[in-house]
Amino acid sequence: MSFSELVENYAEEPLTRQIILSLLKDYKRPNDKIGELVKEGLLTTIKKGLYVPGPKSKTKKPEAFLIANHLWGPSYVSLETALSYHGLIPERVYEISSVTVKASKTVNTKVGRFTYRQASLPYYFFGLESIKLTPRQVVLMASPEKALCDKIVMTSGVHLRSIVQVRSFLMDDLRIDIDRLRALDIDGIDSWIEAAPKASSLKMLTKTLSEL
């Protein structure tokens, strides 16, 4: 049985070295075989010990959001990436932005650029959703409300002190449609504020949203 056939059971998943070694257990030098598969384009290295099917492989590949969850974790997709996915901002996002409890970092890979911003506990755990991208791919992502809060909390120099300032940030800088803002769960954001960074900015956010 070929490697492509063996790996089919793991289609749409990031492949750990342990998984690949288990598939290659009949080879005398499985580590050498992994190197051959990478050279042949049947595997692509994402980082040490983590792979996805390569450009020559017919196996379905995992989405970039799922790769982001596995690349540096625990983490969840957020900020501009989640805001775009949820339809709050009009821009298409090419870099995958996530939030983690680990140190902030940027990872450049052959399948894209991934950035991670550090969040404190317990704020990290608020407003997370499991998003089903395909029947086999479920990713951890910020809700629209949490993605917006993350954007405010993690953008240097953003301190929202008035309704006018909040409206300018939301509608002029981020270009979020007012109807999308009116649909946000204000109570949800309110419940996070006590344990959130930039609490005063988030309080001003909920005050502004309640008056739209």
N, C-alpha and C. Protein backbone atom coordinates (compact mmCIF):
# COMPACT_ATOMS: atom_id res chain seq x y z
N MET A 1 0.85 -1.20 0.00
CA MET A 1 0.00 0.00 0.00
C MET A 1 0.88 1.25 0.00
N SER A 2 0.55 2.22 -0.86
CA SER A 2 1.35 3.44 -0.96
C SER A 2 1.13 4.34 0.25
N PHE A 3 2.06 5.30 0.43
CA PHE A 3 1.91 6.23 1.55
C PHE A 3 0.63 7.03 1.41
N SER A 4 0.29 7.45 0.18
CA SER A 4 -0.94 8.23 -0.05
C SER A 4 -2.16 7.46 0.41
N GLU A 5 -2.17 6.17 0.18
CA GLU A 5 -3.30 5.34 0.62
C GLU A 5 -3.31 5.20 2.14
N LEU A 6 -2.12 5.05 2.72
CA LEU A 6 -2.02 4.92 4.17
C LEU A 6 -2.51 6.18 4.88
N VAL A 7 -2.17 7.32 4.32
CA VAL A 7 -2.46 8.59 4.99
C VAL A 7 -3.91 9.05 4.78
N GLU A 8 -4.63 8.37 3.91
CA GLU A 8 -5.99 8.79 3.58
C GLU A 8 -6.89 8.82 4.81
N ASN A 9 -6.64 7.93 5.76
CA ASN A 9 -7.45 7.92 6.99
C ASN A 9 -7.25 9.18 7.83
N TYR A 10 -6.19 9.92 7.53
CA TYR A 10 -5.90 11.15 8.27
C TYR A 10 -6.09 12.39 7.40
N ALA A 11 -6.89 12.23 6.35
CA ALA A 11 -7.16 13.37 5.45
C ALA A 11 -7.74 14.54 6.22
N GLU A 12 -7.33 15.74 5.84
CA GLU A 12 -7.80 17.00 6.43
C GLU A 12 -7.29 17.21 7.86
N GLU A 13 -6.27 16.46 8.26
CA GLU A 13 -5.66 16.64 9.58
C GLU A 13 -4.20 17.05 9.44
N PRO A 14 -3.70 17.91 10.34
CA PRO A 14 -2.26 18.06 10.43
C PRO A 14 -1.66 16.73 10.90
N LEU A 15 -0.52 16.37 10.38
CA LEU A 15 0.07 15.06 10.65
C LEU A 15 1.27 15.21 11.57
N THR A 16 1.18 14.62 12.75
CA THR A 16 2.32 14.65 13.66
C THR A 16 3.35 13.60 13.22
N ARG A 17 4.56 13.77 13.69
CA ARG A 17 5.61 12.80 13.37
C ARG A 17 5.24 11.40 13.88
N GLN A 18 4.57 11.36 15.04
CA GLN A 18 4.16 10.08 15.61
C GLN A 18 3.20 9.35 14.68
N ILE A 19 2.25 10.09 14.10
CA ILE A 19 1.29 9.47 13.17
C ILE A 19 2.02 8.92 11.96
N ILE A 20 2.92 9.73 11.40
CA ILE A 20 3.63 9.29 10.19
C ILE A 20 4.51 8.08 10.48
N LEU A 21 5.19 8.09 11.61
CA LEU A 21 6.04 6.95 11.97
C LEU A 21 5.21 5.68 12.13
N SER A 22 3.98 5.83 12.66
CA SER A 22 3.13 4.65 12.81
C SER A 22 2.70 4.11 11.44
N LEU A 23 2.53 5.01 10.47
CA LEU A 23 2.16 4.57 9.12
C LEU A 23 3.34 3.92 8.41
N LEU A 24 4.54 4.31 8.81
CA LEU A 24 5.75 3.79 8.16
C LEU A 24 6.45 2.72 9.00
N LYS A 25 5.70 2.08 9.88
CA LYS A 25 6.31 1.13 10.82
C LYS A 25 6.98 -0.06 10.13
N ASP A 26 6.60 -0.35 8.89
CA ASP A 26 7.20 -1.49 8.19
C ASP A 26 8.52 -1.13 7.50
N TYR A 27 8.89 0.16 7.52
CA TYR A 27 10.15 0.58 6.92
C TYR A 27 11.29 0.45 7.93
N LYS A 28 12.46 0.02 7.47
CA LYS A 28 13.60 -0.12 8.35
C LYS A 28 14.11 1.23 8.84
N ARG A 29 14.03 2.24 7.95
CA ARG A 29 14.49 3.58 8.32
C ARG A 29 13.35 4.58 8.07
N PRO A 30 12.35 4.59 8.94
CA PRO A 30 11.19 5.47 8.72
C PRO A 30 11.54 6.96 8.69
N ASN A 31 12.53 7.37 9.47
CA ASN A 31 12.92 8.78 9.47
C ASN A 31 13.50 9.20 8.12
N ASP A 32 14.28 8.30 7.51
CA ASP A 32 14.80 8.57 6.17
C ASP A 32 13.65 8.64 5.16
N LYS A 33 12.65 7.78 5.35
CA LYS A 33 11.50 7.76 4.44
C LYS A 33 10.72 9.07 4.52
N ILE A 34 10.61 9.63 5.72
CA ILE A 34 9.92 10.93 5.86
C ILE A 34 10.65 11.98 5.03
N GLY A 35 11.98 11.99 5.10
CA GLY A 35 12.75 12.93 4.29
C GLY A 35 12.50 12.74 2.81
N GLU A 36 12.40 11.49 2.36
CA GLU A 36 12.12 11.21 0.95
C GLU A 36 10.74 11.72 0.55
N LEU A 37 9.75 11.53 1.43
CA LEU A 37 8.39 11.97 1.13
C LEU A 37 8.31 13.49 1.01
N VAL A 38 9.08 14.19 1.85
CA VAL A 38 9.13 15.66 1.76
C VAL A 38 9.75 16.08 0.43
N LYS A 39 10.87 15.44 0.04
CA LYS A 39 11.53 15.77 -1.22
C LYS A 39 10.64 15.46 -2.42
N GLU A 40 9.83 14.42 -2.31
CA GLU A 40 8.95 14.02 -3.41
C GLU A 40 7.69 14.88 -3.49
N GLY A 41 7.48 15.75 -2.51
CA GLY A 41 6.30 16.61 -2.52
C GLY A 41 5.05 15.94 -1.99
N LEU A 42 5.22 14.79 -1.33
CA LEU A 42 4.07 14.10 -0.75
C LEU A 42 3.79 14.57 0.68
N LEU A 43 4.77 15.21 1.28
CA LEU A 43 4.62 15.81 2.60
C LEU A 43 5.19 17.22 2.58
N THR A 44 4.60 18.10 3.34
CA THR A 44 5.14 19.45 3.54
C THR A 44 5.39 19.64 5.02
N THR A 45 6.59 20.06 5.38
CA THR A 45 6.92 20.32 6.78
C THR A 45 6.38 21.67 7.21
N ILE A 46 5.57 21.68 8.27
CA ILE A 46 5.05 22.94 8.83
C ILE A 46 5.99 23.45 9.92
N LYS A 47 6.38 22.57 10.77
CA LYS A 47 7.41 22.83 11.78
C LYS A 47 7.98 21.48 12.16
N LYS A 48 9.00 21.45 12.99
CA LYS A 48 9.59 20.19 13.40
C LYS A 48 8.52 19.31 14.05
N GLY A 49 8.29 18.15 13.45
CA GLY A 49 7.33 17.20 13.99
C GLY A 49 5.90 17.39 13.55
N LEU A 50 5.64 18.35 12.64
CA LEU A 50 4.27 18.58 12.17
C LEU A 50 4.28 18.76 10.66
N TYR A 51 3.39 18.04 9.98
CA TYR A 51 3.36 18.03 8.52
C TYR A 51 1.92 18.11 8.02
N VAL A 52 1.79 18.43 6.73
CA VAL A 52 0.52 18.30 6.01
C VAL A 52 0.83 17.61 4.69
N PRO A 53 -0.19 17.03 4.05
CA PRO A 53 0.06 16.45 2.74
C PRO A 53 0.66 17.48 1.79
N GLY A 54 1.64 17.06 1.01
CA GLY A 54 2.36 17.97 0.13
C GLY A 54 1.64 18.26 -1.18
N PRO A 55 2.24 19.10 -2.02
CA PRO A 55 1.60 19.51 -3.29
C PRO A 55 1.39 18.35 -4.26
N LYS A 56 2.19 17.30 -4.14
CA LYS A 56 2.04 16.15 -5.04
C LYS A 56 1.05 15.11 -4.49
N SER A 57 0.58 15.34 -3.28
CA SER A 57 -0.35 14.39 -2.66
C SER A 57 -1.78 14.70 -3.07
N LYS A 58 -2.57 13.67 -3.29
CA LYS A 58 -3.98 13.84 -3.62
C LYS A 58 -4.86 13.83 -2.37
N THR A 59 -4.25 13.63 -1.21
CA THR A 59 -4.99 13.62 0.06
C THR A 59 -5.47 15.03 0.38
N LYS A 60 -6.72 15.16 0.85
CA LYS A 60 -7.26 16.47 1.20
C LYS A 60 -6.46 17.07 2.35
N LYS A 61 -6.19 18.36 2.24
CA LYS A 61 -5.33 19.05 3.20
C LYS A 61 -6.16 19.77 4.26
N PRO A 62 -5.61 19.97 5.43
CA PRO A 62 -6.32 20.75 6.45
C PRO A 62 -6.37 22.23 6.09
N GLU A 63 -7.44 22.89 6.54
CA GLU A 63 -7.56 24.33 6.35
C GLU A 63 -6.53 25.06 7.21
N ALA A 64 -6.19 26.27 6.78
CA ALA A 64 -5.18 27.06 7.50
C ALA A 64 -5.60 27.34 8.94
N PHE A 65 -6.91 27.50 9.20
CA PHE A 65 -7.37 27.75 10.56
C PHE A 65 -7.04 26.57 11.47
N LEU A 66 -7.21 25.35 10.96
CA LEU A 66 -6.92 24.16 11.76
C LEU A 66 -5.42 24.02 11.98
N ILE A 67 -4.65 24.34 10.96
CA ILE A 67 -3.19 24.33 11.12
C ILE A 67 -2.78 25.31 12.22
N ALA A 68 -3.42 26.48 12.22
CA ALA A 68 -3.10 27.49 13.24
C ALA A 68 -3.33 26.96 14.65
N ASN A 69 -4.44 26.24 14.84
CA ASN A 69 -4.72 25.66 16.17
C ASN A 69 -3.64 24.69 16.61
N HIS A 70 -3.06 23.96 15.66
CA HIS A 70 -2.07 22.93 15.99
C HIS A 70 -0.63 23.46 16.03
N LEU A 71 -0.38 24.52 15.30
CA LEU A 71 0.99 25.01 15.13
C LEU A 71 1.58 25.57 16.42
N TRP A 72 0.77 26.28 17.18
CA TRP A 72 1.23 26.90 18.44
C TRP A 72 0.03 26.95 19.36
N GLY A 73 0.04 26.12 20.37
CA GLY A 73 -1.17 26.06 21.18
C GLY A 73 -0.89 25.77 22.64
N PRO A 74 -1.92 25.93 23.46
CA PRO A 74 -3.30 26.17 23.04
C PRO A 74 -3.48 27.55 22.44
N SER A 75 -4.36 27.62 21.45
CA SER A 75 -4.62 28.89 20.78
C SER A 75 -5.98 28.82 20.10
N TYR A 76 -6.49 29.99 19.74
CA TYR A 76 -7.72 30.06 18.96
C TYR A 76 -7.57 31.16 17.91
N VAL A 77 -8.22 31.00 16.78
CA VAL A 77 -8.18 31.99 15.69
C VAL A 77 -8.98 33.21 16.12
N SER A 78 -8.43 34.40 15.91
CA SER A 78 -9.10 35.62 16.37
C SER A 78 -8.65 36.83 15.56
N LEU A 79 -8.84 38.00 16.18
CA LEU A 79 -8.42 39.29 15.61
C LEU A 79 -8.96 39.46 14.19
N GLU A 80 -8.17 40.00 13.27
CA GLU A 80 -8.69 40.29 11.92
C GLU A 80 -9.17 39.04 11.21
N THR A 81 -8.52 37.91 11.47
CA THR A 81 -8.91 36.68 10.79
C THR A 81 -10.33 36.27 11.16
N ALA A 82 -10.64 36.28 12.45
CA ALA A 82 -11.99 35.93 12.90
C ALA A 82 -13.00 37.00 12.52
N LEU A 83 -12.61 38.27 12.62
CA LEU A 83 -13.52 39.35 12.23
C LEU A 83 -13.91 39.22 10.75
N SER A 84 -12.95 38.86 9.92
CA SER A 84 -13.23 38.65 8.50
C SER A 84 -14.11 37.42 8.29
N TYR A 85 -13.79 36.33 8.97
CA TYR A 85 -14.58 35.10 8.83
C TYR A 85 -16.04 35.34 9.22
N HIS A 86 -16.25 36.09 10.29
CA HIS A 86 -17.61 36.35 10.77
C HIS A 86 -18.32 37.45 9.96
N GLY A 87 -17.61 38.05 9.02
CA GLY A 87 -18.22 39.05 8.17
C GLY A 87 -18.32 40.44 8.76
N LEU A 88 -17.54 40.72 9.79
CA LEU A 88 -17.60 42.05 10.40
C LEU A 88 -16.76 43.06 9.63
N ILE A 89 -15.60 42.64 9.15
CA ILE A 89 -14.77 43.56 8.37
C ILE A 89 -14.76 43.11 6.92
N PRO A 90 -14.67 44.06 5.99
CA PRO A 90 -14.77 43.71 4.57
C PRO A 90 -13.51 43.12 3.97
N GLU A 91 -12.35 43.36 4.60
CA GLU A 91 -11.09 42.93 4.01
C GLU A 91 -10.92 41.42 4.06
N ARG A 92 -10.32 40.89 3.00
CA ARG A 92 -9.90 39.50 3.02
C ARG A 92 -8.55 39.45 3.72
N VAL A 93 -8.39 38.51 4.63
CA VAL A 93 -7.18 38.44 5.44
C VAL A 93 -6.30 37.29 4.95
N TYR A 94 -5.03 37.58 4.72
CA TYR A 94 -4.10 36.58 4.20
C TYR A 94 -3.22 35.98 5.29
N GLU A 95 -3.04 36.69 6.38
CA GLU A 95 -2.27 36.20 7.51
C GLU A 95 -3.23 35.65 8.54
N ILE A 96 -2.95 34.48 9.12
CA ILE A 96 -3.82 33.89 10.11
C ILE A 96 -3.42 34.37 11.50
N SER A 97 -4.31 35.11 12.15
CA SER A 97 -4.02 35.68 13.46
C SER A 97 -4.74 34.88 14.54
N SER A 98 -4.01 34.57 15.60
CA SER A 98 -4.56 33.78 16.69
C SER A 98 -4.16 34.38 18.03
N VAL A 99 -4.82 33.89 19.07
CA VAL A 99 -4.51 34.28 20.45
C VAL A 99 -4.12 33.03 21.21
N THR A 100 -3.13 33.16 22.08
CA THR A 100 -2.59 32.02 22.81
C THR A 100 -2.31 32.41 24.26
N VAL A 101 -2.14 31.41 25.12
CA VAL A 101 -1.69 31.69 26.47
C VAL A 101 -0.16 31.64 26.55
N LYS A 102 0.46 31.18 25.48
CA LYS A 102 1.92 31.13 25.42
C LYS A 102 2.47 32.49 24.96
N ALA A 103 3.76 32.54 24.74
CA ALA A 103 4.40 33.78 24.30
C ALA A 103 3.94 34.14 22.89
N SER A 104 3.87 35.42 22.61
CA SER A 104 3.54 35.88 21.26
C SER A 104 4.64 35.47 20.29
N LYS A 105 4.25 35.14 19.08
CA LYS A 105 5.25 34.79 18.07
C LYS A 105 4.64 34.83 16.69
N THR A 106 5.51 34.85 15.68
CA THR A 106 5.11 34.76 14.28
C THR A 106 5.81 33.57 13.67
N VAL A 107 5.04 32.77 12.92
CA VAL A 107 5.60 31.57 12.30
C VAL A 107 5.35 31.65 10.79
N ASN A 108 6.43 31.66 10.02
CA ASN A 108 6.31 31.62 8.56
C ASN A 108 6.50 30.19 8.09
N THR A 109 5.53 29.69 7.36
CA THR A 109 5.58 28.31 6.88
C THR A 109 5.37 28.29 5.37
N LYS A 110 5.49 27.11 4.79
CA LYS A 110 5.27 26.95 3.36
C LYS A 110 3.80 27.04 2.99
N VAL A 111 2.93 27.01 3.98
CA VAL A 111 1.49 27.12 3.70
C VAL A 111 0.91 28.44 4.19
N GLY A 112 1.75 29.35 4.67
CA GLY A 112 1.25 30.66 5.08
C GLY A 112 1.95 31.21 6.30
N ARG A 113 1.55 32.41 6.67
CA ARG A 113 2.13 33.12 7.82
C ARG A 113 1.11 33.10 8.96
N PHE A 114 1.58 32.75 10.14
CA PHE A 114 0.70 32.62 11.30
C PHE A 114 1.26 33.50 12.43
N THR A 115 0.41 34.35 12.99
CA THR A 115 0.83 35.18 14.11
C THR A 115 0.00 34.83 15.34
N TYR A 116 0.64 34.94 16.50
CA TYR A 116 0.00 34.61 17.77
C TYR A 116 0.26 35.73 18.77
N ARG A 117 -0.83 36.18 19.43
CA ARG A 117 -0.72 37.20 20.46
C ARG A 117 -1.09 36.60 21.80
N GLN A 118 -0.34 36.95 22.82
CA GLN A 118 -0.56 36.36 24.14
C GLN A 118 -1.71 37.03 24.87
N ALA A 119 -2.53 36.22 25.54
CA ALA A 119 -3.62 36.72 26.38
C ALA A 119 -3.49 36.13 27.77
N SER A 120 -3.94 36.87 28.76
CA SER A 120 -3.88 36.40 30.14
C SER A 120 -5.10 35.53 30.46
N LEU A 121 -4.97 34.78 31.53
CA LEU A 121 -6.10 33.99 32.05
C LEU A 121 -6.79 34.80 33.14
N PRO A 122 -8.13 34.70 33.28
CA PRO A 122 -9.05 33.82 32.55
C PRO A 122 -9.58 34.43 31.25
N TYR A 123 -9.15 35.67 30.93
CA TYR A 123 -9.69 36.33 29.74
C TYR A 123 -9.58 35.45 28.50
N TYR A 124 -8.50 34.71 28.37
CA TYR A 124 -8.29 33.85 27.20
C TYR A 124 -9.50 32.97 26.90
N PHE A 125 -10.13 32.42 27.93
CA PHE A 125 -11.18 31.42 27.73
C PHE A 125 -12.55 32.00 27.36
N PHE A 126 -12.72 33.30 27.45
CA PHE A 126 -14.03 33.88 27.18
C PHE A 126 -14.36 33.87 25.69
N GLY A 127 -15.62 33.65 25.36
CA GLY A 127 -16.12 33.85 24.00
C GLY A 127 -15.52 32.98 22.93
N LEU A 128 -15.27 31.72 23.22
CA LEU A 128 -14.70 30.82 22.22
C LEU A 128 -15.78 29.94 21.61
N GLU A 129 -15.63 29.63 20.33
CA GLU A 129 -16.58 28.79 19.61
C GLU A 129 -15.84 27.69 18.86
N SER A 130 -16.50 26.55 18.74
CA SER A 130 -16.00 25.47 17.88
C SER A 130 -16.70 25.60 16.53
N ILE A 131 -15.93 25.90 15.50
CA ILE A 131 -16.47 26.14 14.16
C ILE A 131 -16.19 24.92 13.29
N LYS A 132 -17.25 24.36 12.70
CA LYS A 132 -17.11 23.18 11.84
C LYS A 132 -16.89 23.65 10.40
N LEU A 133 -15.65 23.56 9.94
CA LEU A 133 -15.33 24.00 8.58
C LEU A 133 -15.72 22.95 7.55
N THR A 134 -15.49 21.69 7.89
CA THR A 134 -15.89 20.56 7.06
C THR A 134 -16.31 19.46 8.04
N PRO A 135 -16.91 18.38 7.55
CA PRO A 135 -17.30 17.30 8.47
C PRO A 135 -16.15 16.78 9.32
N ARG A 136 -14.90 16.94 8.86
CA ARG A 136 -13.76 16.41 9.59
C ARG A 136 -12.88 17.49 10.21
N GLN A 137 -13.24 18.75 10.01
CA GLN A 137 -12.38 19.82 10.52
C GLN A 137 -13.17 20.77 11.41
N VAL A 138 -12.84 20.77 12.68
CA VAL A 138 -13.46 21.67 13.66
C VAL A 138 -12.35 22.51 14.28
N VAL A 139 -12.51 23.83 14.24
CA VAL A 139 -11.47 24.71 14.74
C VAL A 139 -11.98 25.55 15.91
N LEU A 140 -11.06 25.95 16.77
CA LEU A 140 -11.39 26.83 17.88
C LEU A 140 -11.18 28.27 17.41
N MET A 141 -12.24 29.07 17.54
CA MET A 141 -12.21 30.44 17.04
C MET A 141 -12.93 31.37 17.99
N ALA A 142 -12.53 32.64 17.99
CA ALA A 142 -13.23 33.64 18.78
C ALA A 142 -14.60 33.92 18.18
N SER A 143 -15.58 34.14 19.05
CA SER A 143 -16.87 34.63 18.60
C SER A 143 -16.68 36.03 18.01
N PRO A 144 -17.66 36.55 17.29
CA PRO A 144 -17.51 37.93 16.76
C PRO A 144 -17.21 38.93 17.87
N GLU A 145 -17.88 38.77 19.02
CA GLU A 145 -17.68 39.69 20.13
C GLU A 145 -16.26 39.57 20.70
N LYS A 146 -15.78 38.34 20.86
CA LYS A 146 -14.45 38.15 21.43
C LYS A 146 -13.37 38.63 20.47
N ALA A 147 -13.56 38.39 19.17
CA ALA A 147 -12.59 38.85 18.19
C ALA A 147 -12.47 40.37 18.23
N LEU A 148 -13.61 41.06 18.40
CA LEU A 148 -13.59 42.51 18.47
C LEU A 148 -12.90 42.97 19.76
N CYS A 149 -13.21 42.31 20.86
CA CYS A 149 -12.54 42.66 22.12
C CYS A 149 -11.04 42.42 22.02
N ASP A 150 -10.65 41.30 21.42
CA ASP A 150 -9.22 41.02 21.24
C ASP A 150 -8.55 42.11 20.41
N LYS A 151 -9.24 42.57 19.40
CA LYS A 151 -8.67 43.62 18.54
C LYS A 151 -8.42 44.89 19.35
N ILE A 152 -9.35 45.23 20.22
CA ILE A 152 -9.20 46.42 21.06
C ILE A 152 -8.10 46.20 22.10
N VAL A 153 -8.15 45.06 22.76
CA VAL A 153 -7.21 44.77 23.84
C VAL A 153 -5.78 44.67 23.33
N MET A 154 -5.60 44.12 22.14
CA MET A 154 -4.25 43.78 21.67
C MET A 154 -3.69 44.76 20.65
N THR A 155 -4.41 45.82 20.36
CA THR A 155 -3.89 46.83 19.44
C THR A 155 -3.22 47.94 20.25
N SER A 156 -1.93 48.07 20.09
CA SER A 156 -1.17 49.07 20.83
C SER A 156 -1.69 50.48 20.51
N GLY A 157 -1.85 51.28 21.55
CA GLY A 157 -2.26 52.67 21.36
C GLY A 157 -3.76 52.87 21.30
N VAL A 158 -4.55 51.81 21.30
CA VAL A 158 -6.02 51.95 21.28
C VAL A 158 -6.52 52.00 22.72
N HIS A 159 -7.02 53.18 23.12
CA HIS A 159 -7.63 53.38 24.42
C HIS A 159 -8.90 54.19 24.18
N LEU A 160 -10.03 53.54 24.33
CA LEU A 160 -11.31 54.13 23.95
C LEU A 160 -11.92 54.84 25.16
N ARG A 161 -12.03 56.17 25.06
CA ARG A 161 -12.47 56.95 26.23
C ARG A 161 -13.77 57.69 25.98
N SER A 162 -14.32 57.61 24.78
CA SER A 162 -15.58 58.30 24.50
C SER A 162 -16.35 57.55 23.43
N ILE A 163 -17.64 57.81 23.36
CA ILE A 163 -18.49 57.17 22.35
C ILE A 163 -18.03 57.59 20.95
N VAL A 164 -17.68 58.83 20.80
CA VAL A 164 -17.21 59.32 19.50
C VAL A 164 -15.97 58.55 19.06
N GLN A 165 -15.07 58.33 20.00
CA GLN A 165 -13.83 57.60 19.70
C GLN A 165 -14.13 56.15 19.33
N VAL A 166 -15.04 55.51 20.05
CA VAL A 166 -15.40 54.12 19.76
C VAL A 166 -16.03 54.02 18.38
N ARG A 167 -16.98 54.91 18.07
CA ARG A 167 -17.64 54.87 16.77
C ARG A 167 -16.63 55.05 15.64
N SER A 168 -15.68 55.94 15.84
CA SER A 168 -14.65 56.17 14.82
C SER A 168 -13.81 54.92 14.62
N PHE A 169 -13.43 54.28 15.73
CA PHE A 169 -12.61 53.08 15.64
C PHE A 169 -13.36 51.96 14.93
N LEU A 170 -14.62 51.75 15.29
CA LEU A 170 -15.40 50.65 14.74
C LEU A 170 -15.80 50.88 13.28
N MET A 171 -16.25 52.08 12.99
CA MET A 171 -16.84 52.34 11.68
C MET A 171 -15.86 52.93 10.67
N ASP A 172 -14.91 53.71 11.14
CA ASP A 172 -13.94 54.32 10.22
C ASP A 172 -12.68 53.45 10.08
N ASP A 173 -12.11 53.04 11.22
CA ASP A 173 -10.87 52.25 11.16
C ASP A 173 -11.13 50.81 10.73
N LEU A 174 -12.09 50.15 11.37
CA LEU A 174 -12.37 48.75 11.06
C LEU A 174 -13.42 48.60 9.95
N ARG A 175 -14.20 49.64 9.70
CA ARG A 175 -15.24 49.65 8.66
C ARG A 175 -16.29 48.55 8.89
N ILE A 176 -16.71 48.42 10.15
CA ILE A 176 -17.76 47.46 10.49
C ILE A 176 -19.12 48.12 10.25
N ASP A 177 -20.00 47.40 9.58
CA ASP A 177 -21.34 47.92 9.29
C ASP A 177 -22.14 48.07 10.58
N ILE A 178 -22.91 49.13 10.68
CA ILE A 178 -23.64 49.41 11.93
C ILE A 178 -24.65 48.31 12.26
N ASP A 179 -25.24 47.68 11.24
CA ASP A 179 -26.19 46.61 11.51
C ASP A 179 -25.50 45.40 12.13
N ARG A 180 -24.27 45.12 11.73
CA ARG A 180 -23.51 44.02 12.34
C ARG A 180 -23.17 44.35 13.78
N LEU A 181 -22.88 45.62 14.06
CA LEU A 181 -22.58 46.03 15.42
C LEU A 181 -23.81 45.90 16.32
N ARG A 182 -24.97 46.24 15.78
CA ARG A 182 -26.22 46.14 16.57
C ARG A 182 -26.56 44.70 16.91
N ALA A 183 -26.04 43.76 16.14
CA ALA A 183 -26.34 42.34 16.37
C ALA A 183 -25.43 41.69 17.40
N LEU A 184 -24.40 42.41 17.85
CA LEU A 184 -23.45 41.83 18.80
C LEU A 184 -24.08 41.64 20.18
N ASP A 185 -23.59 40.66 20.91
CA ASP A 185 -24.09 40.31 22.24
C ASP A 185 -23.41 41.20 23.28
N ILE A 186 -24.07 42.26 23.65
CA ILE A 186 -23.49 43.21 24.61
C ILE A 186 -23.34 42.57 25.99
N ASP A 187 -24.34 41.78 26.39
CA ASP A 187 -24.29 41.15 27.71
C ASP A 187 -23.08 40.22 27.82
N GLY A 188 -22.77 39.54 26.72
CA GLY A 188 -21.61 38.65 26.72
C GLY A 188 -20.33 39.41 26.99
N ILE A 189 -20.15 40.53 26.30
CA ILE A 189 -18.96 41.36 26.52
C ILE A 189 -18.92 41.88 27.95
N ASP A 190 -20.08 42.34 28.45
CA ASP A 190 -20.15 42.86 29.81
C ASP A 190 -19.67 41.83 30.83
N SER A 191 -19.99 40.56 30.57
CA SER A 191 -19.64 39.51 31.54
C SER A 191 -18.13 39.25 31.58
N TRP A 192 -17.39 39.71 30.57
CA TRP A 192 -15.95 39.46 30.53
C TRP A 192 -15.14 40.61 31.13
N ILE A 193 -15.74 41.79 31.22
CA ILE A 193 -14.98 43.02 31.47
C ILE A 193 -14.18 42.97 32.76
N GLU A 194 -14.77 42.44 33.81
CA GLU A 194 -14.11 42.47 35.12
C GLU A 194 -12.74 41.80 35.09
N ALA A 195 -12.60 40.76 34.26
CA ALA A 195 -11.33 40.02 34.21
C ALA A 195 -10.55 40.31 32.93
N ALA A 196 -10.92 41.37 32.22
CA ALA A 196 -10.30 41.66 30.92
C ALA A 196 -9.28 42.78 31.00
N PRO A 197 -8.25 42.73 30.15
CA PRO A 197 -7.36 43.88 30.00
C PRO A 197 -8.14 45.04 29.36
N LYS A 198 -7.67 46.25 29.55
CA LYS A 198 -8.32 47.43 28.98
C LYS A 198 -9.81 47.47 29.31
N ALA A 199 -10.14 47.18 30.57
CA ALA A 199 -11.53 47.11 30.99
C ALA A 199 -12.30 48.40 30.68
N SER A 200 -11.66 49.54 30.88
CA SER A 200 -12.36 50.81 30.64
C SER A 200 -12.71 50.99 29.16
N SER A 201 -11.83 50.51 28.27
CA SER A 201 -12.11 50.59 26.84
C SER A 201 -13.28 49.68 26.47
N LEU A 202 -13.32 48.50 27.07
CA LEU A 202 -14.41 47.57 26.77
C LEU A 202 -15.73 48.07 27.35
N LYS A 203 -15.68 48.73 28.50
CA LYS A 203 -16.89 49.34 29.05
C LYS A 203 -17.42 50.41 28.12
N MET A 204 -16.52 51.20 27.55
CA MET A 204 -16.94 52.22 26.60
C MET A 204 -17.48 51.59 25.32
N LEU A 205 -16.92 50.44 24.94
CA LEU A 205 -17.44 49.71 23.78
C LEU A 205 -18.89 49.30 24.01
N THR A 206 -19.19 48.68 25.16
CA THR A 206 -20.56 48.22 25.41
C THR A 206 -21.52 49.40 25.54
N LYS A 207 -21.05 50.48 26.11
CA LYS A 207 -21.90 51.68 26.22
C LYS A 207 -22.26 52.20 24.82
N THR A 208 -21.26 52.23 23.95
CA THR A 208 -21.49 52.69 22.58
C THR A 208 -22.43 51.75 21.83
N LEU A 209 -22.21 50.45 21.96
CA LEU A 209 -23.06 49.48 21.26
C LEU A 209 -24.51 49.58 21.74
N SER A 210 -24.71 49.83 23.01
CA SER A 210 -26.07 49.92 23.54
C SER A 210 -26.82 51.14 23.05
N GLU A 211 -26.10 52.13 22.53
CA GLU A 211 -26.73 53.36 22.05
C GLU A 211 -26.85 53.45 20.54
N LEU A 212 -26.43 52.38 19.83
CA LEU A 212 -26.53 52.39 18.36
C LEU A 212 -27.98 52.24 17.91
